[in-house]
Amino acid sequence: MPQTPNNEINVRALLDHRGVSRYQKTVIFLCFLIVLMDGFDVVIMGFVAPSLKAAWNLSNSDLAPVLSAALFGLTFGALGTGPLGDRFGRRKVLIACVFTFGLFTLLVALAAEVRQMMAFRFIAGLAMGGIMPMVATLAKEYSPVRRSALLVTVVFAGFTVGAAGGGFLAAWLIPHWGWHSVFVFGGVMPVLLSVYMMFKLPESLAFMVHKGTDRAEIRKIVEACAPGSTNENSVFTLPAAAVQTDANPMKTVFNSHYAKGTLLLWIIYFSHLFLVYLLGNWMPTMINESGMTAEQASVISAMFQLGGPLGSIMLGWFMDRFEAHRILALSYFSGAAVLVVMSGLGAQYLLLCLTSFFIGAAFNGGGTGMNALSSNFFPLSARATGNSWMHGVGRTGAIVSAYAGSWMLNMGWNFSTIAFALTVPALIISASLMLKYSFYAGTEKS
């Protein structure tokens, strides 16, 4: 990139006007691995629950608090880590979160009774709550603007890979070494990854410039991203903020410019996690109780999860080429339409598999795209806070979904009725996305 006479280099413009370097690809790949391990550990209790229930002679009521402990931790962790990331850096918070959730997942394997396990899972959840918003922030800040949505969604496809792959791994580990082995694997691997991150994961380049980090450290990373672009006299800058921000990131996300968008993102992500967690957790039971076999119900539900990675990558590709709000709104709207079709299919197994795959692509992929959308919306100084609070508020939707699914089944609703009812949150998401677009069309910067 051409130098200005005074050797001033705008690091954001430098990244945006180049291809993705090998160094940037390494950062993106590390982010993918972090999310993959996060995906495995978030759902790890579901893999071991039947074996744990039998080994400790637990009832469903005994097991429920253990299953939900990490979800509560995820909520509080997401709310708390964002401001830390905007103050101390994305790298430091990420490494601390990965190490902590690995350590306390490992400790679960040593738990002697349910209350200990709940405590360890809650603390692991606190750490896991900071992973996804911080990764979204870092991946965004190392991606050129024209490919940022695709790269962020590729990173977040790792969550589904980790969750799905963990099921196969658990199925192999438990018969050979018992349920403890799943927690040992799920704990040791993040701890090792956190050590590797200490040596290989850089701080956000834009964050370093924003905080006035030593110029030599900034130059080292700029040269890694764009060899030959600097010299000893180079001065590193950022684009001027399009909208005035506050020194306190928590004030920025609620200032006169960002407040409406912040609240709409909360509504969208709450509705999204309510929708996908209710389908993901309750679909096997709902379909089974509607008259299909447990095996058929499992396969139909698995198709919902398998649609996620494909939907994530496709939506990311489209979001980089067309208006992102419209792409995501269309995705949720089409998912709602297919839910209506699905509600009327009865016991048509093949068609249920196909429609389940489609809504998985539309909804799970849409949630991944929301991380890219949020990262593009909030300014550098408050990006980690904005992302993490969206995740934190959204997690309450996942918690509510557990009780909502139970209530729907206790009310005697069958799968057809529930599928039709779930078009409501999908349409709320679609409408909220278009409302946000109407408020901020032409004003959002990357």
Protein backbone atom coordinates (compact mmCIF):
# COMPACT_ATOMS: atom_id res chain seq x y z
CA MET A 1 0.00 0.00 0.00
CA PRO A 2 1.48 3.42 -0.91
CA GLN A 3 3.04 5.41 1.92
CA THR A 4 2.03 8.99 2.61
CA PRO A 5 4.88 11.56 2.77
CA ASN A 6 4.91 11.48 6.56
CA ASN A 7 4.96 7.66 6.65
CA GLU A 8 1.51 7.55 8.24
CA ILE A 9 -0.14 4.15 7.88
CA ASN A 10 -3.84 3.66 8.58
CA VAL A 11 -3.80 0.04 9.76
CA ARG A 12 -7.49 -0.50 9.06
CA ALA A 13 -7.12 0.71 5.48
CA LEU A 14 -3.95 -1.38 5.09
CA LEU A 15 -5.79 -4.60 5.97
CA ASP A 16 -8.84 -3.66 3.90
CA HIS A 17 -6.85 -3.06 0.70
CA ARG A 18 -4.87 -6.30 0.75
CA GLY A 19 -5.67 -9.98 0.50
CA VAL A 20 -5.74 -12.21 3.56
CA SER A 21 -2.11 -12.90 4.47
CA ARG A 22 -0.80 -16.18 5.87
CA TYR A 23 -0.47 -14.49 9.26
CA GLN A 24 -4.12 -13.39 9.24
CA LYS A 25 -5.18 -16.88 8.18
CA THR A 26 -3.30 -18.25 11.19
CA VAL A 27 -5.23 -15.90 13.48
CA ILE A 28 -8.53 -16.95 11.89
CA PHE A 29 -7.62 -20.63 12.21
CA LEU A 30 -6.74 -20.19 15.88
CA CYS A 31 -10.10 -18.49 16.42
CA PHE A 32 -11.77 -21.46 14.68
CA LEU A 33 -10.01 -23.91 17.04
CA ILE A 34 -11.06 -21.86 20.07
CA VAL A 35 -14.71 -21.89 18.98
CA LEU A 36 -14.49 -25.61 18.14
CA MET A 37 -13.39 -26.42 21.71
CA ASP A 38 -16.03 -24.03 23.05
CA GLY A 39 -18.70 -25.87 21.05
CA PHE A 40 -17.55 -29.21 22.45
CA ASP A 41 -17.49 -28.00 26.06
CA VAL A 42 -20.79 -26.09 25.96
CA VAL A 43 -22.72 -29.27 25.08
CA ILE A 44 -20.49 -31.74 26.92
CA MET A 45 -23.04 -32.46 29.69
CA GLY A 46 -25.56 -33.67 27.14
CA PHE A 47 -23.07 -36.30 25.95
CA VAL A 48 -22.39 -37.73 29.40
CA ALA A 49 -25.81 -37.22 31.03
CA PRO A 50 -27.15 -40.78 30.47
CA SER A 51 -23.93 -42.39 31.79
CA LEU A 52 -23.69 -39.96 34.71
CA LYS A 53 -27.34 -40.53 35.58
CA ALA A 54 -26.77 -44.30 35.73
CA ALA A 55 -23.42 -44.10 37.55
CA TRP A 56 -24.65 -41.78 40.29
CA ASN A 57 -28.25 -43.05 40.34
CA LEU A 58 -29.62 -39.57 39.60
CA SER A 59 -33.19 -38.59 38.75
CA ASN A 60 -34.08 -36.14 36.00
CA SER A 61 -34.69 -33.51 38.69
CA ASP A 62 -31.18 -34.09 40.08
CA LEU A 63 -29.67 -33.77 36.64
CA ALA A 64 -31.49 -30.61 35.52
CA PRO A 65 -29.43 -28.13 37.66
CA VAL A 66 -26.19 -29.70 36.43
CA LEU A 67 -27.31 -29.36 32.82
CA SER A 68 -28.34 -25.71 33.28
CA ALA A 69 -25.40 -24.56 35.45
CA ALA A 70 -23.15 -23.79 32.48
CA LEU A 71 -25.96 -21.88 30.72
CA PHE A 72 -26.31 -19.54 33.68
CA GLY A 73 -22.54 -19.13 33.76
CA LEU A 74 -22.50 -18.37 30.03
CA THR A 75 -24.99 -15.57 30.56
CA PHE A 76 -23.08 -13.81 33.33
CA GLY A 77 -19.73 -14.50 31.70
CA ALA A 78 -20.75 -12.88 28.43
CA LEU A 79 -22.02 -9.78 30.22
CA GLY A 80 -18.85 -9.38 32.26
CA THR A 81 -16.03 -10.13 29.82
CA GLY A 82 -16.87 -7.57 27.12
CA PRO A 83 -15.83 -4.46 29.08
CA LEU A 84 -12.67 -6.33 30.15
CA GLY A 85 -11.85 -7.03 26.51
CA ASP A 86 -12.29 -3.37 25.57
CA ARG A 87 -10.08 -2.30 28.48
CA PHE A 88 -7.31 -4.91 28.66
CA GLY A 89 -7.36 -6.40 25.17
CA ARG A 90 -9.03 -9.22 23.27
CA ARG A 91 -5.97 -11.52 23.48
CA LYS A 92 -5.55 -11.44 27.27
CA VAL A 93 -9.23 -12.05 27.96
CA LEU A 94 -9.42 -14.87 25.40
CA ILE A 95 -6.41 -16.70 26.80
CA ALA A 96 -7.74 -16.37 30.35
CA CYS A 97 -11.19 -17.62 29.31
CA VAL A 98 -9.87 -20.63 27.38
CA PHE A 99 -7.53 -21.65 30.21
CA THR A 100 -10.23 -21.23 32.87
CA PHE A 101 -12.97 -23.15 31.11
CA GLY A 102 -10.46 -25.93 30.35
CA LEU A 103 -9.29 -26.12 33.98
CA PHE A 104 -12.79 -26.23 35.47
CA THR A 105 -13.99 -28.72 32.85
CA LEU A 106 -11.11 -30.94 33.93
CA LEU A 107 -12.14 -30.50 37.57
CA VAL A 108 -15.64 -31.77 36.71
CA ALA A 109 -14.04 -35.17 36.09
CA LEU A 110 -12.88 -35.11 39.73
CA ALA A 111 -16.22 -34.00 41.21
CA ALA A 112 -17.46 -36.25 43.99
CA GLU A 113 -21.10 -35.11 44.09
CA VAL A 114 -23.69 -33.05 42.24
CA ARG A 115 -23.13 -29.70 43.99
CA GLN A 116 -19.42 -29.78 43.20
CA MET A 117 -20.18 -30.57 39.58
CA MET A 118 -22.68 -27.70 39.42
CA ALA A 119 -20.12 -25.25 40.82
CA PHE A 120 -17.40 -26.35 38.41
CA ARG A 121 -19.79 -26.22 35.44
CA PHE A 122 -20.98 -22.75 36.44
CA ILE A 123 -17.42 -21.40 36.62
CA ALA A 124 -16.53 -23.08 33.33
CA GLY A 125 -19.64 -21.43 31.87
CA LEU A 126 -18.53 -18.02 33.13
CA ALA A 127 -15.30 -18.42 31.17
CA MET A 128 -17.02 -19.87 28.10
CA GLY A 129 -19.35 -16.86 28.06
CA GLY A 130 -16.46 -14.65 27.01
CA ILE A 131 -15.23 -16.86 24.18
CA MET A 132 -17.67 -16.22 21.33
CA PRO A 133 -18.01 -12.42 21.61
CA MET A 134 -14.24 -12.01 22.02
CA VAL A 135 -13.48 -14.30 19.08
CA ALA A 136 -16.00 -12.43 16.92
CA THR A 137 -14.28 -9.17 17.81
CA LEU A 138 -10.75 -10.43 17.12
CA ALA A 139 -11.68 -12.21 13.87
CA LYS A 140 -13.44 -9.09 12.62
CA GLU A 141 -10.43 -6.90 13.42
CA TYR A 142 -8.04 -9.15 11.45
CA SER A 143 -10.33 -9.50 8.42
CA PRO A 144 -10.46 -7.20 5.39
CA VAL A 145 -13.84 -5.51 5.26
CA ARG A 146 -14.88 -7.12 1.98
CA ARG A 147 -14.44 -10.62 3.49
CA SER A 148 -15.15 -10.01 7.16
CA ALA A 149 -18.62 -11.60 7.26
CA LEU A 150 -17.42 -14.76 5.52
CA LEU A 151 -14.36 -15.16 7.75
CA VAL A 152 -16.31 -14.52 10.97
CA THR A 153 -18.98 -17.05 9.95
CA VAL A 154 -16.31 -19.63 9.02
CA VAL A 155 -14.84 -19.19 12.51
CA PHE A 156 -18.24 -19.69 14.13
CA ALA A 157 -18.99 -22.77 12.05
CA GLY A 158 -16.42 -24.33 14.39
CA PHE A 159 -19.00 -24.33 17.18
CA THR A 160 -21.26 -26.77 15.34
CA VAL A 161 -18.25 -28.86 14.28
CA GLY A 162 -17.15 -29.10 17.91
CA ALA A 163 -20.65 -29.87 19.17
CA ALA A 164 -21.34 -32.52 16.53
CA GLY A 165 -17.86 -34.05 16.62
CA GLY A 166 -18.01 -34.19 20.40
CA GLY A 167 -20.98 -36.52 20.19
CA PHE A 168 -19.03 -39.04 18.10
CA LEU A 169 -15.97 -38.68 20.34
CA ALA A 170 -18.04 -39.19 23.50
CA ALA A 171 -19.65 -42.27 21.97
CA TRP A 172 -16.16 -43.75 21.59
CA LEU A 173 -14.62 -42.54 24.87
CA ILE A 174 -17.36 -43.47 27.34
CA PRO A 175 -17.50 -47.24 26.60
CA HIS A 176 -13.69 -47.47 26.86
CA TRP A 177 -12.85 -45.11 29.75
CA GLY A 178 -16.13 -43.96 31.30
CA TRP A 179 -17.84 -40.57 31.45
CA HIS A 180 -14.89 -38.97 33.26
CA SER A 181 -12.77 -39.32 30.12
CA VAL A 182 -14.97 -36.88 28.19
CA PHE A 183 -14.32 -34.16 30.76
CA VAL A 184 -10.60 -34.99 30.83
CA PHE A 185 -10.41 -34.53 27.06
CA GLY A 186 -12.65 -31.45 27.17
CA GLY A 187 -10.43 -29.92 29.85
CA VAL A 188 -6.91 -30.84 28.76
CA MET A 189 -7.30 -29.71 25.16
CA PRO A 190 -8.36 -26.09 25.99
CA VAL A 191 -5.58 -25.80 28.59
CA LEU A 192 -3.02 -26.87 25.99
CA LEU A 193 -4.61 -24.55 23.44
CA SER A 194 -4.39 -21.60 25.85
CA VAL A 195 -0.65 -22.22 26.26
CA TYR A 196 -0.22 -22.30 22.48
CA MET A 197 -2.24 -19.08 22.21
CA MET A 198 0.19 -17.32 24.54
CA PHE A 199 2.88 -17.73 21.89
CA LYS A 200 0.92 -17.56 18.65
CA LEU A 201 -2.21 -15.44 19.14
CA PRO A 202 -1.57 -11.70 18.64
CA GLU A 203 -3.50 -8.81 20.10
CA SER A 204 -5.89 -6.99 17.79
CA LEU A 205 -3.83 -4.63 15.64
CA ALA A 206 -6.50 -1.92 15.72
CA PHE A 207 -6.81 -2.26 19.50
CA MET A 208 -3.04 -1.80 19.90
CA VAL A 209 -3.10 1.40 17.86
CA HIS A 210 -6.18 2.62 19.74
CA LYS A 211 -4.48 2.05 23.10
CA GLY A 212 -1.16 3.55 22.03
CA THR A 213 0.91 0.36 22.31
CA ASP A 214 4.65 0.62 21.66
CA ARG A 215 5.22 1.42 17.98
CA ALA A 216 7.79 -1.35 17.53
CA GLU A 217 5.25 -3.98 18.68
CA ILE A 218 2.65 -2.62 16.28
CA ARG A 219 5.14 -2.55 13.41
CA LYS A 220 6.08 -6.20 14.04
CA ILE A 221 2.46 -7.31 13.55
CA VAL A 222 1.86 -4.97 10.60
CA GLU A 223 4.92 -6.47 8.88
CA ALA A 224 3.59 -9.98 9.58
CA CYS A 225 0.28 -9.04 7.91
CA ALA A 226 1.80 -6.94 5.12
CA PRO A 227 5.55 -7.58 4.64
CA GLY A 228 7.51 -4.57 3.42
CA SER A 229 4.76 -2.05 4.12
CA THR A 230 6.53 -0.17 6.95
CA ASN A 231 9.83 1.46 7.78
CA GLU A 232 11.50 2.69 10.98
CA ASN A 233 9.69 6.03 10.75
CA SER A 234 6.19 4.63 10.19
CA VAL A 235 3.40 6.09 12.31
CA PHE A 236 0.27 3.99 12.78
CA THR A 237 -3.25 5.43 12.84
CA LEU A 238 -6.91 4.44 12.69
CA PRO A 239 -9.81 5.96 10.73
CA ALA A 240 -11.61 8.78 12.50
CA ALA A 241 -14.70 7.51 14.33
CA ALA A 242 -17.84 8.15 12.30
CA VAL A 243 -19.86 8.68 15.48
CA GLN A 244 -18.69 10.18 18.75
CA THR A 245 -17.92 7.52 21.35
CA ASP A 246 -17.46 7.64 25.11
CA ALA A 247 -14.33 6.67 27.02
CA ASN A 248 -16.49 4.12 28.86
CA PRO A 249 -17.56 1.41 26.34
CA MET A 250 -20.69 0.66 28.40
CA LYS A 251 -21.84 4.24 27.81
CA THR A 252 -21.07 4.02 24.10
CA VAL A 253 -23.40 1.09 23.45
CA PHE A 254 -26.23 3.11 25.02
CA ASN A 255 -25.46 6.57 23.66
CA SER A 256 -27.92 8.41 21.44
CA HIS A 257 -26.58 6.79 18.27
CA TYR A 258 -26.14 3.14 19.32
CA ALA A 259 -28.96 2.61 21.86
CA LYS A 260 -31.71 1.60 19.40
CA GLY A 261 -29.42 -0.79 17.59
CA THR A 262 -28.18 -2.29 20.85
CA LEU A 263 -31.72 -3.02 22.03
CA LEU A 264 -32.73 -4.47 18.66
CA LEU A 265 -29.67 -6.74 18.66
CA TRP A 266 -30.69 -7.95 22.12
CA ILE A 267 -34.22 -8.72 20.92
CA ILE A 268 -32.87 -10.49 17.85
CA TYR A 269 -30.32 -12.63 19.67
CA PHE A 270 -32.70 -13.48 22.54
CA SER A 271 -35.28 -14.65 19.98
CA HIS A 272 -32.61 -16.50 17.99
CA LEU A 273 -31.26 -18.51 20.93
CA PHE A 274 -34.79 -19.18 22.21
CA LEU A 275 -35.64 -20.57 18.77
CA VAL A 276 -32.56 -22.71 18.09
CA TYR A 277 -32.18 -24.05 21.65
CA LEU A 278 -35.84 -25.02 21.85
CA LEU A 279 -35.56 -26.84 18.52
CA GLY A 280 -32.16 -28.32 19.31
CA ASN A 281 -33.03 -29.57 22.80
CA TRP A 282 -36.67 -30.54 22.39
CA MET A 283 -37.02 -31.61 18.76
CA PRO A 284 -36.09 -35.29 19.39
CA THR A 285 -38.67 -35.55 22.17
CA MET A 286 -41.35 -33.66 20.23
CA ILE A 287 -40.96 -35.77 17.09
CA ASN A 288 -40.78 -39.00 19.07
CA GLU A 289 -43.96 -38.13 20.97
CA SER A 290 -45.65 -37.32 17.66
CA GLY A 291 -45.45 -41.00 16.71
CA MET A 292 -42.07 -41.49 15.03
CA THR A 293 -39.37 -43.81 16.35
CA ALA A 294 -36.57 -42.53 18.57
CA GLU A 295 -34.06 -43.32 15.81
CA GLN A 296 -36.01 -41.31 13.25
CA ALA A 297 -36.38 -38.43 15.69
CA SER A 298 -32.61 -38.42 16.31
CA VAL A 299 -31.78 -38.34 12.60
CA ILE A 300 -34.28 -35.53 11.88
CA SER A 301 -32.84 -33.53 14.78
CA ALA A 302 -29.27 -34.19 13.63
CA MET A 303 -30.16 -32.75 10.22
CA PHE A 304 -31.07 -29.49 11.98
CA GLN A 305 -27.54 -29.30 13.41
CA LEU A 306 -25.87 -30.36 10.16
CA GLY A 307 -27.49 -27.49 8.28
CA GLY A 308 -25.65 -24.98 10.48
CA PRO A 309 -22.12 -24.99 8.97
CA LEU A 310 -23.39 -24.81 5.40
CA GLY A 311 -25.82 -22.02 6.27
CA SER A 312 -23.10 -20.11 8.13
CA ILE A 313 -20.67 -20.10 5.23
CA MET A 314 -23.30 -19.37 2.59
CA LEU A 315 -24.80 -16.48 4.55
CA GLY A 316 -21.35 -15.08 5.29
CA TRP A 317 -20.54 -15.13 1.56
CA PHE A 318 -23.81 -13.35 0.70
CA MET A 319 -23.42 -10.82 3.53
CA ASP A 320 -20.08 -9.68 2.06
CA ARG A 321 -21.72 -9.06 -1.32
CA PHE A 322 -25.19 -7.77 -0.48
CA GLU A 323 -26.81 -5.79 2.34
CA ALA A 324 -26.27 -7.90 5.46
CA HIS A 325 -29.53 -7.05 7.28
CA ARG A 326 -31.60 -8.01 4.26
CA ILE A 327 -29.74 -11.30 3.80
CA LEU A 328 -30.28 -12.31 7.43
CA ALA A 329 -33.90 -11.12 7.45
CA LEU A 330 -34.57 -13.23 4.36
CA SER A 331 -32.88 -16.23 5.98
CA TYR A 332 -35.12 -16.12 9.08
CA PHE A 333 -38.22 -15.36 7.00
CA SER A 334 -37.56 -18.34 4.72
CA GLY A 335 -36.91 -20.50 7.79
CA ALA A 336 -40.29 -19.45 9.20
CA ALA A 337 -41.96 -20.35 5.90
CA VAL A 338 -40.34 -23.80 5.90
CA LEU A 339 -41.42 -24.31 9.54
CA VAL A 340 -45.01 -23.83 8.37
CA VAL A 341 -44.44 -26.45 5.67
CA MET A 342 -42.78 -28.75 8.21
CA SER A 343 -45.71 -28.44 10.60
CA GLY A 344 -47.98 -30.02 8.01
CA LEU A 345 -45.76 -32.94 6.92
CA GLY A 346 -46.98 -35.45 9.47
CA ALA A 347 -44.83 -38.60 9.40
CA GLN A 348 -43.12 -38.04 6.02
CA TYR A 349 -39.64 -38.95 7.19
CA LEU A 350 -37.57 -37.89 4.17
CA LEU A 351 -39.31 -34.53 3.83
CA LEU A 352 -38.91 -33.90 7.56
CA CYS A 353 -35.17 -34.53 7.21
CA LEU A 354 -34.91 -32.10 4.29
CA THR A 355 -36.92 -29.35 5.95
CA SER A 356 -35.02 -29.82 9.22
CA PHE A 357 -31.74 -29.36 7.33
CA PHE A 358 -33.06 -26.18 5.70
CA ILE A 359 -34.24 -24.55 8.93
CA GLY A 360 -30.92 -25.51 10.52
CA ALA A 361 -29.10 -23.68 7.73
CA ALA A 362 -31.44 -20.69 7.99
CA PHE A 363 -31.51 -20.33 11.78
CA ASN A 364 -28.12 -21.66 12.93
CA GLY A 365 -26.44 -19.95 10.00
CA GLY A 366 -28.35 -16.77 10.77
CA GLY A 367 -27.10 -16.76 14.35
CA THR A 368 -23.53 -17.06 13.11
CA GLY A 369 -24.14 -14.16 10.76
CA MET A 370 -25.37 -12.09 13.69
CA ASN A 371 -21.85 -12.13 15.13
CA ALA A 372 -20.53 -10.52 11.96
CA LEU A 373 -23.40 -8.02 11.92
CA SER A 374 -22.82 -7.02 15.54
CA SER A 375 -19.05 -6.70 15.04
CA ASN A 376 -19.63 -4.34 12.12
CA PHE A 377 -22.12 -2.26 14.08
CA PHE A 378 -20.19 -1.39 17.22
CA PRO A 379 -17.10 0.85 17.12
CA LEU A 380 -13.63 -0.44 17.95
CA SER A 381 -13.63 1.09 21.44
CA ALA A 382 -16.84 -0.72 22.46
CA ARG A 383 -16.93 -3.71 20.10
CA ALA A 384 -16.15 -6.40 22.67
CA THR A 385 -18.71 -4.91 25.08
CA GLY A 386 -21.41 -4.67 22.42
CA ASN A 387 -20.79 -8.23 21.22
CA SER A 388 -20.64 -9.72 24.70
CA TRP A 389 -23.79 -8.04 25.95
CA MET A 390 -25.68 -9.23 22.89
CA HIS A 391 -24.53 -12.75 23.77
CA GLY A 392 -25.28 -12.34 27.47
CA VAL A 393 -28.85 -11.14 26.98
CA GLY A 394 -29.32 -13.71 24.23
CA ARG A 395 -28.36 -16.53 26.58
CA THR A 396 -31.44 -15.82 28.67
CA GLY A 397 -33.43 -16.83 25.60
CA ALA A 398 -31.72 -20.22 25.71
CA ILE A 399 -32.59 -20.60 29.40
CA VAL A 400 -36.22 -19.61 28.83
CA SER A 401 -36.47 -22.09 25.94
CA ALA A 402 -35.82 -25.03 28.28
CA TYR A 403 -38.91 -24.16 30.33
CA ALA A 404 -40.97 -23.11 27.29
CA GLY A 405 -40.43 -26.46 25.57
CA SER A 406 -41.45 -28.32 28.70
CA TRP A 407 -44.56 -26.13 29.08
CA MET A 408 -45.60 -26.67 25.45
CA LEU A 409 -45.33 -30.44 25.77
CA ASN A 410 -47.15 -30.45 29.13
CA MET A 411 -49.96 -28.44 27.50
CA GLY A 412 -50.38 -31.29 25.02
CA TRP A 413 -49.00 -29.44 21.99
CA ASN A 414 -47.76 -31.80 19.28
CA PHE A 415 -44.79 -31.16 17.01
CA SER A 416 -46.94 -29.60 14.28
CA THR A 417 -48.39 -27.03 16.69
CA ILE A 418 -45.01 -26.19 18.20
CA ALA A 419 -43.33 -25.84 14.77
CA PHE A 420 -46.06 -23.43 13.69
CA ALA A 421 -45.76 -21.45 16.95
CA LEU A 422 -42.00 -21.07 16.48
CA THR A 423 -42.57 -19.04 13.34
CA VAL A 424 -43.36 -16.14 15.72
CA PRO A 425 -39.79 -15.64 17.06
CA ALA A 426 -38.40 -16.20 13.56
CA LEU A 427 -40.61 -13.43 12.16
CA ILE A 428 -39.77 -11.15 15.11
CA ILE A 429 -36.09 -11.57 14.20
CA SER A 430 -36.73 -10.83 10.54
CA ALA A 431 -38.78 -7.71 11.33
CA SER A 432 -36.25 -6.46 13.90
CA LEU A 433 -33.41 -6.81 11.41
CA MET A 434 -35.26 -4.69 8.87
CA LEU A 435 -36.14 -2.14 11.56
CA LYS A 436 -32.47 -1.86 12.53
CA TYR A 437 -31.56 -1.45 8.87
CA SER A 438 -34.09 1.37 8.52
CA PHE A 439 -32.52 3.17 11.51
CA TYR A 440 -28.91 2.83 10.40
CA ALA A 441 -28.91 2.51 6.58
CA GLY A 442 -25.78 4.17 5.25
CA THR A 443 -24.29 4.96 8.68
CA GLU A 444 -22.58 1.71 9.76
CA LYS A 445 -18.84 1.50 9.34
CA SER A 446 -16.54 -1.50 9.44
